[in-house]
């Protein structure tokens, strides 16, 4: 399955409603929304109607991120060569909150891997780098 197809998969977990104590569902989603990494969570109880939603920007907290990694696997983003090291470093610094030397070191690492994370994070960073004229390649770790 291609990363594009897998990237829309939300995680759904069955939980007990705190209001009526019946089975309910919590869904967690994570995606690239116009260049911003966004996450959302929603709860719905079909028995009593209780529902809530929340959203956030940036990387997930460790526990939900671990659930995403477990469900969708760990992915890498590789750049064999760059068209413009300046533009690529600029994207890496901004997206990953890196200092100049760290971003440059990541870009020049002998493995070519510039990022390892969830499929959603890699798609997000891949699109940012593509907008800067680069051609990164995603691959699932096995």
C-alpha atoms as a PDB file:
ATOM      1  CA  UNK A   1       0.000   0.000   0.000  1.00  0.00           C
ATOM      2  CA  UNK A   2       1.370   3.432  -0.862  1.00  0.00           C
ATOM      3  CA  UNK A   3       2.134   5.988   1.865  1.00  0.00           C
ATOM      4  CA  UNK A   4      -0.492   8.345   0.420  1.00  0.00           C
ATOM      5  CA  UNK A   5      -3.201   5.732   0.916  1.00  0.00           C
ATOM      6  CA  UNK A   6      -2.086   4.761   4.406  1.00  0.00           C
ATOM      7  CA  UNK A   7      -1.676   8.329   5.646  1.00  0.00           C
ATOM      8  CA  UNK A   8      -5.400   8.917   6.210  1.00  0.00           C
ATOM      9  CA  UNK A   9      -5.799   6.047   8.681  1.00  0.00           C
ATOM     10  CA  UNK A  10      -7.041   7.173  12.068  1.00  0.00           C
ATOM     11  CA  UNK A  11      -6.644   4.942  15.101  1.00  0.00           C
ATOM     12  CA  UNK A  12      -9.871   3.974  16.839  1.00  0.00           C
ATOM     13  CA  UNK A  13      -9.953   2.546  20.336  1.00  0.00           C
ATOM     14  CA  UNK A  14     -12.903   1.159  22.255  1.00  0.00           C
ATOM     15  CA  UNK A  15     -13.294   2.690  25.716  1.00  0.00           C
ATOM     16  CA  UNK A  16     -15.927   2.946  28.456  1.00  0.00           C
ATOM     17  CA  UNK A  17     -17.994   6.141  28.512  1.00  0.00           C
ATOM     18  CA  UNK A  18     -17.462   8.091  31.739  1.00  0.00           C
ATOM     19  CA  UNK A  19     -21.097   9.199  31.739  1.00  0.00           C
ATOM     20  CA  UNK A  20     -23.113   6.034  31.023  1.00  0.00           C
ATOM     21  CA  UNK A  21     -20.394   3.362  31.383  1.00  0.00           C
ATOM     22  CA  UNK A  22     -21.259   1.808  28.010  1.00  0.00           C
ATOM     23  CA  UNK A  23     -18.890   1.043  25.119  1.00  0.00           C
ATOM     24  CA  UNK A  24     -17.738   4.111  23.208  1.00  0.00           C
ATOM     25  CA  UNK A  25     -15.004   5.004  20.739  1.00  0.00           C
ATOM     26  CA  UNK A  26     -12.047   7.387  20.741  1.00  0.00           C
ATOM     27  CA  UNK A  27     -10.428   8.174  17.385  1.00  0.00           C
ATOM     28  CA  UNK A  28      -6.967   9.685  16.904  1.00  0.00           C
ATOM     29  CA  UNK A  29      -5.913  11.220  13.596  1.00  0.00           C
ATOM     30  CA  UNK A  30      -2.618  12.715  12.447  1.00  0.00           C
ATOM     31  CA  UNK A  31      -1.865  14.347   9.096  1.00  0.00           C
ATOM     32  CA  UNK A  32      -0.335  17.112   7.023  1.00  0.00           C
ATOM     33  CA  UNK A  33      -2.832  19.948   6.670  1.00  0.00           C
ATOM     34  CA  UNK A  34      -1.537  22.518   4.160  1.00  0.00           C
ATOM     35  CA  UNK A  35       2.035  22.275   5.426  1.00  0.00           C
ATOM     36  CA  UNK A  36       1.198  21.989   9.127  1.00  0.00           C
ATOM     37  CA  UNK A  37       1.416  18.740  11.071  1.00  0.00           C
ATOM     38  CA  UNK A  38      -1.939  18.396  12.859  1.00  0.00           C
ATOM     39  CA  UNK A  39      -3.458  15.857  15.199  1.00  0.00           C
ATOM     40  CA  UNK A  40      -7.026  15.429  16.356  1.00  0.00           C
ATOM     41  CA  UNK A  41      -8.886  13.257  18.813  1.00  0.00           C
ATOM     42  CA  UNK A  42     -12.611  12.674  19.085  1.00  0.00           C
ATOM     43  CA  UNK A  43     -14.842  10.746  21.469  1.00  0.00           C
ATOM     44  CA  UNK A  44     -18.388   9.588  20.782  1.00  0.00           C
ATOM     45  CA  UNK A  45     -20.754   7.480  22.867  1.00  0.00           C
ATOM     46  CA  UNK A  46     -23.635   6.132  20.775  1.00  0.00           C
ATOM     47  CA  UNK A  47     -25.608   5.300  23.951  1.00  0.00           C
ATOM     48  CA  UNK A  48     -25.821   8.643  25.769  1.00  0.00           C
ATOM     49  CA  UNK A  49     -24.598  10.988  23.037  1.00  0.00           C
ATOM     50  CA  UNK A  50     -21.595  12.325  24.958  1.00  0.00           C
ATOM     51  CA  UNK A  51     -18.958  13.610  22.562  1.00  0.00           C
ATOM     52  CA  UNK A  52     -15.869  15.802  22.535  1.00  0.00           C
ATOM     53  CA  UNK A  53     -13.140  16.754  20.128  1.00  0.00           C
ATOM     54  CA  UNK A  54      -9.683  18.282  20.419  1.00  0.00           C
ATOM     55  CA  UNK A  55      -6.900  19.143  18.021  1.00  0.00           C
ATOM     56  CA  UNK A  56      -3.299  20.294  18.125  1.00  0.00           C
ATOM     57  CA  UNK A  57      -0.408  21.194  15.858  1.00  0.00           C
ATOM     58  CA  UNK A  58       3.090  19.736  15.856  1.00  0.00           C
ATOM     59  CA  UNK A  59       4.398  16.328  16.797  1.00  0.00           C
ATOM     60  CA  UNK A  60       2.267  13.969  18.874  1.00  0.00           C
ATOM     61  CA  UNK A  61       3.049  13.312  22.512  1.00  0.00           C
ATOM     62  CA  UNK A  62       5.059  10.097  23.126  1.00  0.00           C
ATOM     63  CA  UNK A  63       2.163   7.740  23.969  1.00  0.00           C
ATOM     64  CA  UNK A  64      -0.124   8.485  20.996  1.00  0.00           C
ATOM     65  CA  UNK A  65       2.942   8.674  18.719  1.00  0.00           C
ATOM     66  CA  UNK A  66       3.966   5.174  19.876  1.00  0.00           C
ATOM     67  CA  UNK A  67       0.443   3.946  19.003  1.00  0.00           C
ATOM     68  CA  UNK A  68       0.746   5.460  15.512  1.00  0.00           C
ATOM     69  CA  UNK A  69       4.159   3.854  15.026  1.00  0.00           C
ATOM     70  CA  UNK A  70       2.797   0.488  16.148  1.00  0.00           C
ATOM     71  CA  UNK A  71      -0.208   0.708  13.807  1.00  0.00           C
ATOM     72  CA  UNK A  72       1.388   2.234  10.683  1.00  0.00           C
ATOM     73  CA  UNK A  73       5.044   1.261  11.124  1.00  0.00           C
ATOM     74  CA  UNK A  74       8.199   3.348  11.234  1.00  0.00           C
ATOM     75  CA  UNK A  75       9.190   5.263   8.107  1.00  0.00           C
ATOM     76  CA  UNK A  76      12.296   7.038   6.874  1.00  0.00           C
ATOM     77  CA  UNK A  77      12.807  10.007   4.619  1.00  0.00           C
ATOM     78  CA  UNK A  78      15.977   9.844   2.547  1.00  0.00           C
ATOM     79  CA  UNK A  79      17.692  12.416   0.364  1.00  0.00           C
ATOM     80  CA  UNK A  80      20.458  10.988  -1.820  1.00  0.00           C
ATOM     81  CA  UNK A  81      21.373  14.411  -3.167  1.00  0.00           C
ATOM     82  CA  UNK A  82      20.065  17.940  -2.885  1.00  0.00           C
ATOM     83  CA  UNK A  83      19.402  20.531  -5.522  1.00  0.00           C
ATOM     84  CA  UNK A  84      19.913  23.331  -3.000  1.00  0.00           C
ATOM     85  CA  UNK A  85      21.516  22.558   0.360  1.00  0.00           C
ATOM     86  CA  UNK A  86      20.521  26.059   1.491  1.00  0.00           C
ATOM     87  CA  UNK A  87      16.801  25.432   0.852  1.00  0.00           C
ATOM     88  CA  UNK A  88      16.879  21.898   2.287  1.00  0.00           C
ATOM     89  CA  UNK A  89      18.631  23.064   5.476  1.00  0.00           C
ATOM     90  CA  UNK A  90      16.147  25.914   5.779  1.00  0.00           C
ATOM     91  CA  UNK A  91      13.215  23.459   5.623  1.00  0.00           C
ATOM     92  CA  UNK A  92      14.819  21.021   8.091  1.00  0.00           C
ATOM     93  CA  UNK A  93      15.620  23.818  10.544  1.00  0.00           C
ATOM     94  CA  UNK A  94      12.118  25.236  10.449  1.00  0.00           C
ATOM     95  CA  UNK A  95      10.184  21.947  10.420  1.00  0.00           C
ATOM     96  CA  UNK A  96      12.264  20.068  12.982  1.00  0.00           C
ATOM     97  CA  UNK A  97      13.371  23.031  15.118  1.00  0.00           C
ATOM     98  CA  UNK A  98      17.071  22.343  14.513  1.00  0.00           C
ATOM     99  CA  UNK A  99      20.022  24.703  14.744  1.00  0.00           C
ATOM    100  CA  UNK A 100      22.010  25.389  11.584  1.00  0.00           C
ATOM    101  CA  UNK A 101      24.867  22.955  12.229  1.00  0.00           C
ATOM    102  CA  UNK A 102      22.564  20.095  13.262  1.00  0.00           C
ATOM    103  CA  UNK A 103      20.338  20.570  10.189  1.00  0.00           C
ATOM    104  CA  UNK A 104      23.377  20.595   7.911  1.00  0.00           C
ATOM    105  CA  UNK A 105      24.795  17.481   9.615  1.00  0.00           C
ATOM    106  CA  UNK A 106      21.456  15.663   9.182  1.00  0.00           C
ATOM    107  CA  UNK A 107      21.401  16.587   5.498  1.00  0.00           C
ATOM    108  CA  UNK A 108      24.976  15.400   4.932  1.00  0.00           C
ATOM    109  CA  UNK A 109      24.751  12.140   6.923  1.00  0.00           C
ATOM    110  CA  UNK A 110      26.226   9.258   4.930  1.00  0.00           C
ATOM    111  CA  UNK A 111      23.015   7.192   5.168  1.00  0.00           C
ATOM    112  CA  UNK A 112      21.043   9.915   3.414  1.00  0.00           C
ATOM    113  CA  UNK A 113      18.285   9.539   6.007  1.00  0.00           C
ATOM    114  CA  UNK A 114      17.129  12.962   7.132  1.00  0.00           C
ATOM    115  CA  UNK A 115      14.199  11.811   9.279  1.00  0.00           C
ATOM    116  CA  UNK A 116      12.688   8.691  10.850  1.00  0.00           C
ATOM    117  CA  UNK A 117       9.158   8.708  12.245  1.00  0.00           C
ATOM    118  CA  UNK A 118       5.509   7.971  11.557  1.00  0.00           C
ATOM    119  CA  UNK A 119       4.167   7.772   8.017  1.00  0.00           C
ATOM    120  CA  UNK A 120       2.275  11.022   8.684  1.00  0.00           C
ATOM    121  CA  UNK A 121       5.394  12.881   9.832  1.00  0.00           C
ATOM    122  CA  UNK A 122       7.432  11.637   6.860  1.00  0.00           C
ATOM    123  CA  UNK A 123       4.709  12.614   4.375  1.00  0.00           C
ATOM    124  CA  UNK A 124       4.540  16.079   5.951  1.00  0.00           C
ATOM    125  CA  UNK A 125       8.300  16.635   5.789  1.00  0.00           C
ATOM    126  CA  UNK A 126       8.483  15.110   2.296  1.00  0.00           C
ATOM    127  CA  UNK A 127       5.912  17.612   1.018  1.00  0.00           C
ATOM    128  CA  UNK A 128       7.742  20.521   2.641  1.00  0.00           C
ATOM    129  CA  UNK A 129      11.006  19.464   1.004  1.00  0.00           C
ATOM    130  CA  UNK A 130       9.295  18.947  -2.348  1.00  0.00           C
ATOM    131  CA  UNK A 131       7.900  22.496  -2.178  1.00  0.00           C
ATOM    132  CA  UNK A 132      11.506  23.644  -1.749  1.00  0.00           C
ATOM    133  CA  UNK A 133      12.452  21.828  -4.977  1.00  0.00           C
ATOM    134  CA  UNK A 134      13.905  18.657  -3.454  1.00  0.00           C
ATOM    135  CA  UNK A 135      13.127  15.002  -4.243  1.00  0.00           C
ATOM    136  CA  UNK A 136      13.086  13.051  -0.965  1.00  0.00           C
ATOM    137  CA  UNK A 137      12.138   9.364  -0.943  1.00  0.00           C
ATOM    138  CA  UNK A 138      10.059   7.626   1.730  1.00  0.00           C
ATOM    139  CA  UNK A 139      10.480   4.002   2.751  1.00  0.00           C
ATOM    140  CA  UNK A 140       8.993   1.858   5.483  1.00  0.00           C
ATOM    141  CA  UNK A 141      11.483   0.270   7.869  1.00  0.00           C
ATOM    142  CA  UNK A 142      11.184  -3.480   8.010  1.00  0.00           C
END
